[in-house]
C-alpha atoms as a PDB file:
ATOM      1  CA  MET A   1      29.154   4.138   4.125  1.00  0.00           C
ATOM      2  CA  GLN A   2      26.789   6.851   3.093  1.00  0.00           C
ATOM      3  CA  THR A   3      26.859  10.337   4.472  1.00  0.00           C
ATOM      4  CA  VAL A   4      23.569  12.157   4.415  1.00  0.00           C
ATOM      5  CA  THR A   5      23.731  14.065   1.152  1.00  0.00           C
ATOM      6  CA  LYS A   6      22.390  17.386   2.419  1.00  0.00           C
ATOM      7  CA  GLU A   7      24.615  19.233   4.864  1.00  0.00           C
ATOM      8  CA  THR A   8      21.691  19.976   7.152  1.00  0.00           C
ATOM      9  CA  LEU A   9      18.432  18.080   7.470  1.00  0.00           C
ATOM     10  CA  SER A  10      15.147  18.966   9.059  1.00  0.00           C
ATOM     11  CA  LEU A  11      13.518  16.375  11.287  1.00  0.00           C
ATOM     12  CA  GLU A  12      10.889  15.805   8.592  1.00  0.00           C
ATOM     13  CA  GLU A  13      13.541  15.180   5.911  1.00  0.00           C
ATOM     14  CA  PHE A  14      15.433  12.827   8.209  1.00  0.00           C
ATOM     15  CA  GLU A  15      12.316  10.812   9.079  1.00  0.00           C
ATOM     16  CA  ALA A  16      11.341  10.613   5.407  1.00  0.00           C
ATOM     17  CA  MET A  17      14.813   9.206   4.649  1.00  0.00           C
ATOM     18  CA  LEU A  18      14.370   6.609   7.416  1.00  0.00           C
ATOM     19  CA  GLU A  19      10.991   5.503   6.086  1.00  0.00           C
ATOM     20  CA  GLU A  20      12.553   4.693   2.695  1.00  0.00           C
ATOM     21  CA  GLN A  21      14.401   1.699   4.186  1.00  0.00           C
ATOM     22  CA  PRO A  22      13.350  -1.273   6.316  1.00  0.00           C
ATOM     23  CA  ALA A  23      16.283  -0.579   8.685  1.00  0.00           C
ATOM     24  CA  THR A  24      18.827   2.229   9.000  1.00  0.00           C
ATOM     25  CA  LEU A  25      21.887   2.512  11.236  1.00  0.00           C
ATOM     26  CA  VAL A  26      22.765   6.173  11.776  1.00  0.00           C
ATOM     27  CA  ASP A  27      26.164   7.255  13.065  1.00  0.00           C
ATOM     28  CA  PHE A  28      25.980  10.668  14.765  1.00  0.00           C
ATOM     29  CA  TYR A  29      29.560  11.949  14.697  1.00  0.00           C
ATOM     30  CA  ALA A  30      31.828  14.995  14.524  1.00  0.00           C
ATOM     31  CA  THR A  31      34.840  15.418  12.268  1.00  0.00           C
ATOM     32  CA  TRP A  32      37.089  16.287  15.230  1.00  0.00           C
ATOM     33  CA  CYS A  33      36.099  13.153  17.212  1.00  0.00           C
ATOM     34  CA  GLY A  34      38.823  10.451  17.302  1.00  0.00           C
ATOM     35  CA  PRO A  35      36.544   7.657  18.576  1.00  0.00           C
ATOM     36  CA  CYS A  36      34.072   8.551  15.804  1.00  0.00           C
ATOM     37  CA  LYS A  37      36.756   7.826  13.204  1.00  0.00           C
ATOM     38  CA  LEU A  38      37.508   4.478  14.842  1.00  0.00           C
ATOM     39  CA  LEU A  39      33.821   3.500  14.836  1.00  0.00           C
ATOM     40  CA  ALA A  40      33.451   4.576  11.198  1.00  0.00           C
ATOM     41  CA  GLY A  41      36.132   2.044  10.276  1.00  0.00           C
ATOM     42  CA  HIS A  42      34.287  -0.720  12.123  1.00  0.00           C
ATOM     43  CA  MET A  43      31.055   0.217  10.367  1.00  0.00           C
ATOM     44  CA  CYS A  44      32.759   0.063   6.967  1.00  0.00           C
ATOM     45  CA  THR A  45      34.020  -3.417   7.846  1.00  0.00           C
ATOM     46  CA  ILE A  46      30.552  -4.853   8.526  1.00  0.00           C
ATOM     47  CA  GLU A  47      28.456  -2.802   6.087  1.00  0.00           C
ATOM     48  CA  PRO A  48      28.816  -5.300   3.185  1.00  0.00           C
ATOM     49  CA  ASN A  49      27.209  -7.988   5.393  1.00  0.00           C
ATOM     50  CA  TYR A  50      23.983  -5.962   5.448  1.00  0.00           C
ATOM     51  CA  ALA A  51      23.619  -4.986   1.786  1.00  0.00           C
ATOM     52  CA  GLY A  52      19.931  -4.797   0.985  1.00  0.00           C
ATOM     53  CA  SER A  53      18.779  -5.113   4.601  1.00  0.00           C
ATOM     54  CA  VAL A  54      20.313  -2.177   6.492  1.00  0.00           C
ATOM     55  CA  ARG A  55      21.186   1.268   5.215  1.00  0.00           C
ATOM     56  CA  PHE A  56      24.265   2.820   6.890  1.00  0.00           C
ATOM     57  CA  GLU A  57      24.207   6.610   7.260  1.00  0.00           C
ATOM     58  CA  LYS A  58      26.320   9.289   8.927  1.00  0.00           C
ATOM     59  CA  VAL A  59      25.059  12.587  10.326  1.00  0.00           C
ATOM     60  CA  GLU A  60      27.551  15.259  11.355  1.00  0.00           C
ATOM     61  CA  THR A  61      26.240  16.708  14.609  1.00  0.00           C
ATOM     62  CA  THR A  62      27.944  20.090  14.256  1.00  0.00           C
ATOM     63  CA  LYS A  63      26.010  20.710  11.037  1.00  0.00           C
ATOM     64  CA  ASN A  64      22.777  19.074  12.231  1.00  0.00           C
ATOM     65  CA  PHE A  65      22.537  20.428  15.751  1.00  0.00           C
ATOM     66  CA  GLN A  66      18.721  20.466  15.852  1.00  0.00           C
ATOM     67  CA  LEU A  67      18.558  16.835  14.729  1.00  0.00           C
ATOM     68  CA  ALA A  68      21.149  15.843  17.333  1.00  0.00           C
ATOM     69  CA  LYS A  69      19.199  17.757  19.964  1.00  0.00           C
ATOM     70  CA  HIS A  70      15.940  16.029  18.990  1.00  0.00           C
ATOM     71  CA  TYR A  71      17.528  12.581  19.430  1.00  0.00           C
ATOM     72  CA  LYS A  72      19.320  13.690  22.625  1.00  0.00           C
ATOM     73  CA  ILE A  73      22.806  13.074  21.252  1.00  0.00           C
ATOM     74  CA  THR A  74      25.089  14.084  24.119  1.00  0.00           C
ATOM     75  CA  LYS A  75      28.007  11.692  23.551  1.00  0.00           C
ATOM     76  CA  LEU A  76      29.984  10.962  20.418  1.00  0.00           C
ATOM     77  CA  PRO A  77      29.894   8.705  18.642  1.00  0.00           C
ATOM     78  CA  THR A  78      26.262   7.673  19.036  1.00  0.00           C
ATOM     79  CA  LEU A  79      24.619   5.044  16.855  1.00  0.00           C
ATOM     80  CA  LEU A  80      20.867   4.901  16.454  1.00  0.00           C
ATOM     81  CA  LEU A  81      19.193   1.927  14.809  1.00  0.00           C
ATOM     82  CA  PHE A  82      15.807   2.501  13.193  1.00  0.00           C
ATOM     83  CA  ARG A  83      13.153   0.238  11.717  1.00  0.00           C
ATOM     84  CA  GLY A  84      11.384   2.645   9.447  1.00  0.00           C
ATOM     85  CA  ALA A  85      11.222   5.846  11.520  1.00  0.00           C
ATOM     86  CA  GLU A  86      11.046   3.981  14.864  1.00  0.00           C
ATOM     87  CA  GLN A  87      14.215   3.959  16.955  1.00  0.00           C
ATOM     88  CA  VAL A  88      14.924   0.413  18.185  1.00  0.00           C
ATOM     89  CA  ASP A  89      18.439   0.700  19.615  1.00  0.00           C
ATOM     90  CA  ARG A  90      21.035   3.210  20.802  1.00  0.00           C
ATOM     91  CA  VAL A  91      24.777   2.778  21.351  1.00  0.00           C
ATOM     92  CA  GLU A  92      26.971   5.499  22.806  1.00  0.00           C
ATOM     93  CA  GLY A  93      30.700   5.048  22.316  1.00  0.00           C
ATOM     94  CA  VAL A  94      32.790   2.677  20.248  1.00  0.00           C
ATOM     95  CA  LEU A  95      32.024  -0.991  19.662  1.00  0.00           C
ATOM     96  CA  SER A  96      34.338  -3.409  17.901  1.00  0.00           C
ATOM     97  CA  ALA A  97      33.235  -4.536  14.452  1.00  0.00           C
ATOM     98  CA  GLN A  98      32.394  -7.975  15.881  1.00  0.00           C
ATOM     99  CA  ASP A  99      30.328  -6.561  18.759  1.00  0.00           C
ATOM    100  CA  LEU A 100      28.505  -4.172  16.437  1.00  0.00           C
ATOM    101  CA  ASP A 101      27.742  -7.019  14.037  1.00  0.00           C
ATOM    102  CA  LEU A 102      26.394  -9.208  16.865  1.00  0.00           C
ATOM    103  CA  ARG A 103      24.280  -6.359  18.231  1.00  0.00           C
ATOM    104  CA  LEU A 104      22.764  -5.574  14.819  1.00  0.00           C
ATOM    105  CA  ARG A 105      21.950  -9.225  14.167  1.00  0.00           C
ATOM    106  CA  SER A 106      20.321  -9.501  17.588  1.00  0.00           C
ATOM    107  CA  LYS A 107      18.254  -6.316  17.281  1.00  0.00           C
ATOM    108  CA  LEU A 108      17.165  -7.083  13.727  1.00  0.00           C
ATOM    109  CA  GLN A 109      16.766 -10.809  14.425  1.00  0.00           C
ATOM    110  CA  LEU A 110      19.074 -11.777  11.587  1.00  0.00           C
ATOM    111  CA  HIS A 111      20.863 -15.123  11.633  1.00  0.00           C
END
């Protein structure tokens, strides 16, 4: 799973990154967050299923506070799914790898 390469991103840089891909799943997390680590493992499990169709990214909220504030990230972990720069789904908390896979397929209409 990719971690955003710059430590901090402006909203404009983040949106430009989103527009580079047809779909992006962004994990807003913190290094001290236990559930975030659990979710990261589930994301790594399903990421190979989406090669070429969904980009997986991580954004550390403590280093990107303004970005987290813009997207109203109040719980960790929070996943945001984007099509281009448009947010199409939001998940707060941990999902199993199977539930995350089913949700992505449903939201992206993949079979």
